[in-house]
Amino acid sequence: MSGIYNVFLKWAPADKSQTAAWGRHHLTFANRYEADEFYRLLQTVRNANLPMFAGLTRASPQFWSHSGLLWHSVHDVQALGLADDFRTTLSTVLINDGQVGGRTFDLIENAVTGPDWVSGGTFFVRNRRQRELYWCVHGGYVHTSEEKRTKFRVELEETPEGQEGKMVLVRGDRVVVSVVQEAYSVELGDRKYLGVEDFDGGQVSRLALVSTPHVWTFGDLVLKKVGVRWEDVRDGSGNVESRPTLVPMSEGGEDEWELC
């Protein structure tokens, strides 16, 4: 996944004069996934009771704040070696303020709309390059469609003990995906989980609704291992029609998808 992703980080201590003018940073990441993984790191630092990121809050995917001990905690977490994994994917700039100096920064327009990618949230899924193509469940299988779309719930398989607040989804997370029954016109019963069905002795596989939770790696699901293949599919009336069908892929035919 390529591109640039921007986040504002605001220091918000109890002192009103400081929260109004000090410690405002502009964070630039190689992509949104790097940004969310950095936020997960800050959550880990906070949960370890280190003073740097007390009061960490995520008002939106691109606006974060904290009330940690010092305004320059975002620099400290890097200088202490806690963020080495982001050495080549994160740039931090102190924005001009009335107390500490800083510098101007020309913003790159990439405002994100839609829900935050947090565990337990409900989402549509669309193609990142052809954004009119959405995932749509039909006849128990998942297809792409420009006219119809299905809403899914994405949840962590397990939530870490002691975690405060909602967990942002990152690429390495193990997740369970299910169809939101309230937003789907057909009664699903137990077959509400997104999984994989094999045919012809495992020679052919499709994304399908299954009756038991199927564990995905979040990054594999949206970035690495799902693509589209045109297949003949039998509808509820027994008629056969050709549809763009989502299938597991790992040999270069996969697409990039995003939650929205």
Protein backbone atom coordinates (compact mmCIF):
# COMPACT_ATOMS: atom_id res chain seq x y z
CA MET A 1 0.00 0.00 0.00
CA SER A 2 1.58 3.27 -1.10
CA GLY A 3 0.86 6.93 -0.42
CA ILE A 4 1.21 9.48 2.38
CA TYR A 5 -0.92 9.67 5.52
CA ASN A 6 -1.01 12.63 7.91
CA VAL A 7 -1.96 12.86 11.59
CA PHE A 8 -2.13 15.78 14.02
CA LEU A 9 -0.94 15.04 17.56
CA LYS A 10 -1.86 17.59 20.25
CA TRP A 11 -0.42 17.82 23.75
CA ALA A 12 -3.34 18.53 26.08
CA PRO A 13 -2.13 18.86 29.69
CA ALA A 14 -4.24 20.29 32.49
CA ASP A 15 -2.48 23.67 32.26
CA LYS A 16 -4.74 25.69 29.96
CA SER A 17 -2.00 27.96 28.60
CA GLN A 18 0.13 24.96 27.69
CA THR A 19 -2.67 22.98 26.07
CA ALA A 20 -3.56 26.06 24.00
CA ALA A 21 -0.11 26.65 22.54
CA TRP A 22 2.49 23.97 23.24
CA GLY A 23 3.47 20.65 21.75
CA ARG A 24 1.47 20.39 18.55
CA HIS A 25 2.98 17.94 16.08
CA HIS A 26 2.37 16.90 12.51
CA LEU A 27 3.07 13.20 11.91
CA THR A 28 3.56 11.91 8.38
CA PHE A 29 3.43 8.15 7.74
CA ALA A 30 4.06 6.04 4.67
CA ASN A 31 0.43 4.84 4.83
CA ARG A 32 -2.55 4.52 7.15
CA TYR A 33 -1.55 1.08 8.36
CA GLU A 34 1.76 2.44 9.67
CA ALA A 35 -0.14 5.24 11.46
CA ASP A 36 -2.55 2.84 13.16
CA GLU A 37 0.32 0.58 14.21
CA PHE A 38 2.13 3.59 15.71
CA TYR A 39 -1.03 4.47 17.64
CA ARG A 40 -1.16 0.88 18.93
CA LEU A 41 2.43 1.37 20.12
CA LEU A 42 1.42 4.54 21.99
CA GLN A 43 -1.44 2.59 23.60
CA THR A 44 1.09 -0.01 24.76
CA VAL A 45 3.29 2.72 26.24
CA ARG A 46 0.28 4.22 28.02
CA ASN A 47 -0.90 0.85 29.36
CA ALA A 48 2.59 0.20 30.75
CA ASN A 49 2.04 3.25 33.00
CA LEU A 50 4.93 5.15 31.44
CA PRO A 51 4.35 8.90 31.82
CA MET A 52 4.90 9.81 28.16
CA PHE A 53 1.41 9.16 26.80
CA ALA A 54 -0.99 9.36 29.72
CA GLY A 55 -4.46 10.40 28.65
CA LEU A 56 -3.96 9.21 25.07
CA THR A 57 -7.14 9.95 23.10
CA ARG A 58 -8.11 9.32 19.49
CA ALA A 59 -10.73 11.88 18.46
CA SER A 60 -10.54 10.64 14.86
CA PRO A 61 -8.15 8.56 12.75
CA GLN A 62 -6.12 11.71 12.03
CA PHE A 63 -6.43 13.70 15.28
CA TRP A 64 -4.85 12.33 18.44
CA SER A 65 -4.03 13.95 21.78
CA HIS A 66 -2.34 13.08 25.06
CA SER A 67 -1.69 14.66 28.45
CA GLY A 68 1.67 13.03 29.08
CA LEU A 69 4.46 14.45 31.19
CA LEU A 70 6.15 16.50 28.44
CA TRP A 71 5.13 18.13 25.16
CA HIS A 72 7.89 16.33 23.25
CA SER A 73 6.88 12.77 24.17
CA VAL A 74 6.50 11.84 20.50
CA HIS A 75 10.21 12.59 20.06
CA ASP A 76 11.15 10.83 23.30
CA VAL A 77 9.44 7.59 22.32
CA GLN A 78 11.64 7.51 19.20
CA ALA A 79 14.85 8.63 20.93
CA LEU A 80 14.48 5.89 23.55
CA GLY A 81 14.31 3.24 20.83
CA LEU A 82 10.69 2.29 21.48
CA ALA A 83 9.64 3.12 17.91
CA ASP A 84 12.49 1.63 15.89
CA ASP A 85 10.05 -0.21 13.64
CA PHE A 86 8.90 3.20 12.32
CA ARG A 87 12.35 4.66 11.61
CA THR A 88 11.78 4.62 7.83
CA THR A 89 8.00 5.15 7.75
CA LEU A 90 7.40 8.07 10.16
CA SER A 91 8.41 11.73 10.08
CA THR A 92 7.50 14.14 12.92
CA VAL A 93 7.44 17.94 12.70
CA LEU A 94 6.77 20.41 15.51
CA ILE A 95 4.17 22.89 14.27
CA ASN A 96 4.65 26.61 14.96
CA ASP A 97 3.33 27.72 18.32
CA GLY A 98 3.67 30.67 20.65
CA GLN A 99 6.12 29.12 23.09
CA VAL A 100 8.54 26.58 21.71
CA GLY A 101 9.02 27.60 18.09
CA GLY A 102 8.59 24.94 15.45
CA ARG A 103 8.12 25.25 11.72
CA THR A 104 5.44 25.55 9.10
CA PHE A 105 4.38 22.52 7.09
CA ASP A 106 2.46 22.42 3.82
CA LEU A 107 -0.32 19.92 4.32
CA ILE A 108 -0.87 17.13 1.84
CA GLU A 109 -4.61 16.75 1.35
CA ASN A 110 -5.71 13.26 2.31
CA ALA A 111 -8.53 13.77 4.76
CA VAL A 112 -10.14 10.48 5.77
CA THR A 113 -13.91 10.17 5.95
CA GLY A 114 -15.91 7.30 7.34
CA PRO A 115 -15.65 5.21 10.51
CA ASP A 116 -12.45 4.59 12.43
CA TRP A 117 -10.95 1.13 11.94
CA VAL A 118 -11.53 -0.21 15.45
CA SER A 119 -12.39 -3.68 16.69
CA GLY A 120 -16.14 -4.26 16.86
CA GLY A 121 -16.90 -1.60 14.26
CA THR A 122 -19.18 -2.18 11.27
CA PHE A 123 -17.93 -1.43 7.77
CA PHE A 124 -18.45 -1.72 4.08
CA VAL A 125 -15.41 -3.02 2.18
CA ARG A 126 -14.36 -1.53 -1.14
CA ASN A 127 -11.55 -1.77 -3.64
CA ARG A 128 -8.84 0.76 -2.90
CA ARG A 129 -8.16 1.58 -6.57
CA GLN A 130 -11.69 1.16 -7.96
CA ARG A 131 -13.68 2.65 -5.11
CA GLU A 132 -17.04 2.00 -6.72
CA LEU A 133 -16.54 -1.76 -6.23
CA TYR A 134 -17.90 -3.03 -2.90
CA TRP A 135 -18.09 -6.45 -1.28
CA CYS A 136 -21.59 -7.86 -1.57
CA VAL A 137 -22.93 -11.18 -0.25
CA HIS A 138 -25.16 -13.03 -2.69
CA GLY A 139 -26.23 -16.66 -2.41
CA GLY A 140 -23.85 -17.27 0.47
CA TYR A 141 -20.75 -16.08 -1.41
CA VAL A 142 -18.98 -12.72 -1.59
CA HIS A 143 -18.84 -10.80 -4.85
CA THR A 144 -17.98 -7.27 -5.95
CA SER A 145 -20.74 -4.91 -7.02
CA GLU A 146 -21.22 -1.28 -8.00
CA GLU A 147 -24.92 -1.28 -7.03
CA LYS A 148 -25.08 -3.37 -3.85
CA ARG A 149 -22.97 -3.68 -0.73
CA THR A 150 -22.99 -5.69 2.50
CA LYS A 151 -22.01 -4.40 5.94
CA PHE A 152 -19.55 -6.46 7.98
CA ARG A 153 -18.44 -6.42 11.61
CA VAL A 154 -14.70 -6.86 12.22
CA GLU A 155 -13.62 -7.94 15.71
CA LEU A 156 -10.37 -9.00 17.32
CA GLU A 157 -10.28 -12.72 18.06
CA GLU A 158 -9.09 -11.80 21.55
CA THR A 159 -8.73 -8.41 23.25
CA PRO A 160 -5.51 -8.03 25.29
CA GLU A 161 -6.01 -7.96 29.04
CA GLY A 162 -5.85 -4.54 30.64
CA GLN A 163 -6.54 -2.73 27.38
CA GLU A 164 -8.27 0.63 27.79
CA GLY A 165 -10.60 1.96 25.13
CA LYS A 166 -11.26 0.63 21.67
CA MET A 167 -8.50 -1.25 19.87
CA VAL A 168 -7.40 0.13 16.51
CA LEU A 169 -7.06 -2.66 13.94
CA VAL A 170 -3.52 -3.24 12.65
CA ARG A 171 -2.19 -5.57 9.98
CA GLY A 172 -0.99 -8.31 12.31
CA ASP A 173 -4.26 -8.66 14.22
CA ARG A 174 -6.20 -11.91 14.20
CA VAL A 175 -9.80 -10.97 13.48
CA VAL A 176 -13.23 -12.54 12.98
CA VAL A 177 -15.50 -11.03 10.31
CA SER A 178 -19.28 -11.44 10.25
CA VAL A 179 -22.23 -10.00 8.34
CA VAL A 180 -24.33 -7.44 10.24
CA GLN A 181 -27.73 -9.16 10.29
CA GLU A 182 -29.66 -5.92 10.91
CA ALA A 183 -28.36 -4.53 7.63
CA TYR A 184 -28.97 -7.70 5.59
CA SER A 185 -32.33 -8.59 4.06
CA VAL A 186 -32.01 -12.40 4.33
CA GLU A 187 -32.07 -14.28 7.63
CA LEU A 188 -28.56 -15.67 8.06
CA GLY A 189 -28.96 -17.99 11.04
CA ASP A 190 -25.60 -19.47 12.03
CA ARG A 191 -24.04 -18.89 8.61
CA LYS A 192 -22.96 -15.31 9.27
CA TYR A 193 -19.17 -15.56 9.47
CA LEU A 194 -16.83 -14.75 6.60
CA GLY A 195 -14.77 -17.82 5.81
CA VAL A 196 -13.50 -19.95 2.93
CA GLU A 197 -15.20 -22.90 1.22
CA ASP A 198 -13.21 -25.37 -0.85
CA PHE A 199 -14.48 -27.23 -3.92
CA ASP A 200 -13.13 -29.93 -6.23
CA GLY A 201 -10.88 -31.42 -3.61
CA GLY A 202 -9.47 -28.07 -2.57
CA GLN A 203 -8.57 -27.01 -6.11
CA VAL A 204 -11.10 -24.14 -6.01
CA SER A 205 -11.84 -21.87 -3.04
CA ARG A 206 -14.24 -18.97 -2.51
CA LEU A 207 -14.98 -16.51 0.25
CA ALA A 208 -18.28 -17.65 1.71
CA LEU A 209 -20.53 -17.36 4.74
CA VAL A 210 -19.85 -20.20 7.18
CA SER A 211 -21.38 -21.26 10.49
CA THR A 212 -18.29 -21.10 12.71
CA PRO A 213 -15.93 -18.16 13.26
CA HIS A 214 -13.04 -18.09 10.80
CA VAL A 215 -9.88 -16.31 11.95
CA TRP A 216 -8.23 -13.98 9.44
CA THR A 217 -5.08 -11.93 9.70
CA PHE A 218 -6.34 -8.39 9.11
CA GLY A 219 -3.48 -7.47 6.78
CA ASP A 220 -3.93 -10.62 4.71
CA LEU A 221 -7.65 -9.96 4.34
CA VAL A 222 -7.38 -6.38 3.06
CA LEU A 223 -3.94 -6.31 1.44
CA LYS A 224 -2.41 -9.61 0.48
CA LYS A 225 -4.57 -12.66 -0.04
CA VAL A 226 -7.99 -11.82 -1.51
CA GLY A 227 -8.70 -11.16 -5.18
CA VAL A 228 -11.51 -11.37 -7.74
CA ARG A 229 -12.18 -14.11 -10.28
CA TRP A 230 -15.17 -14.42 -12.59
CA GLU A 231 -16.99 -17.68 -11.81
CA ASP A 232 -20.26 -19.37 -12.66
CA VAL A 233 -22.41 -19.25 -9.52
CA ARG A 234 -25.81 -20.87 -8.95
CA ASP A 235 -28.41 -18.53 -7.43
CA GLY A 236 -31.24 -19.47 -5.06
CA SER A 237 -33.49 -20.46 -7.98
CA GLY A 238 -30.93 -22.84 -9.45
CA ASN A 239 -29.94 -20.54 -12.30
CA VAL A 240 -26.26 -20.22 -13.19
CA GLU A 241 -24.74 -16.81 -13.83
CA SER A 242 -21.22 -15.46 -14.12
CA ARG A 243 -20.24 -13.14 -11.25
CA PRO A 244 -17.03 -11.48 -10.02
CA THR A 245 -16.32 -13.66 -6.99
CA LEU A 246 -13.90 -13.05 -4.13
CA VAL A 247 -11.39 -15.85 -3.76
CA PRO A 248 -8.20 -16.46 -1.76
CA MET A 249 -5.11 -15.53 -3.78
CA SER A 250 -1.41 -15.41 -2.99
CA GLU A 251 0.32 -15.51 -6.39
CA GLY A 252 0.00 -11.88 -7.45
CA GLY A 253 -3.66 -11.67 -8.47
CA GLU A 254 -4.86 -10.22 -5.18
CA ASP A 255 -6.29 -6.72 -4.74
CA GLU A 256 -6.12 -4.05 -2.06
CA TRP A 257 -9.29 -3.40 -0.04
CA GLU A 258 -10.24 -0.85 2.59
CA LEU A 259 -12.88 -0.51 5.27
CA CYS A 260 -15.31 2.38 4.85
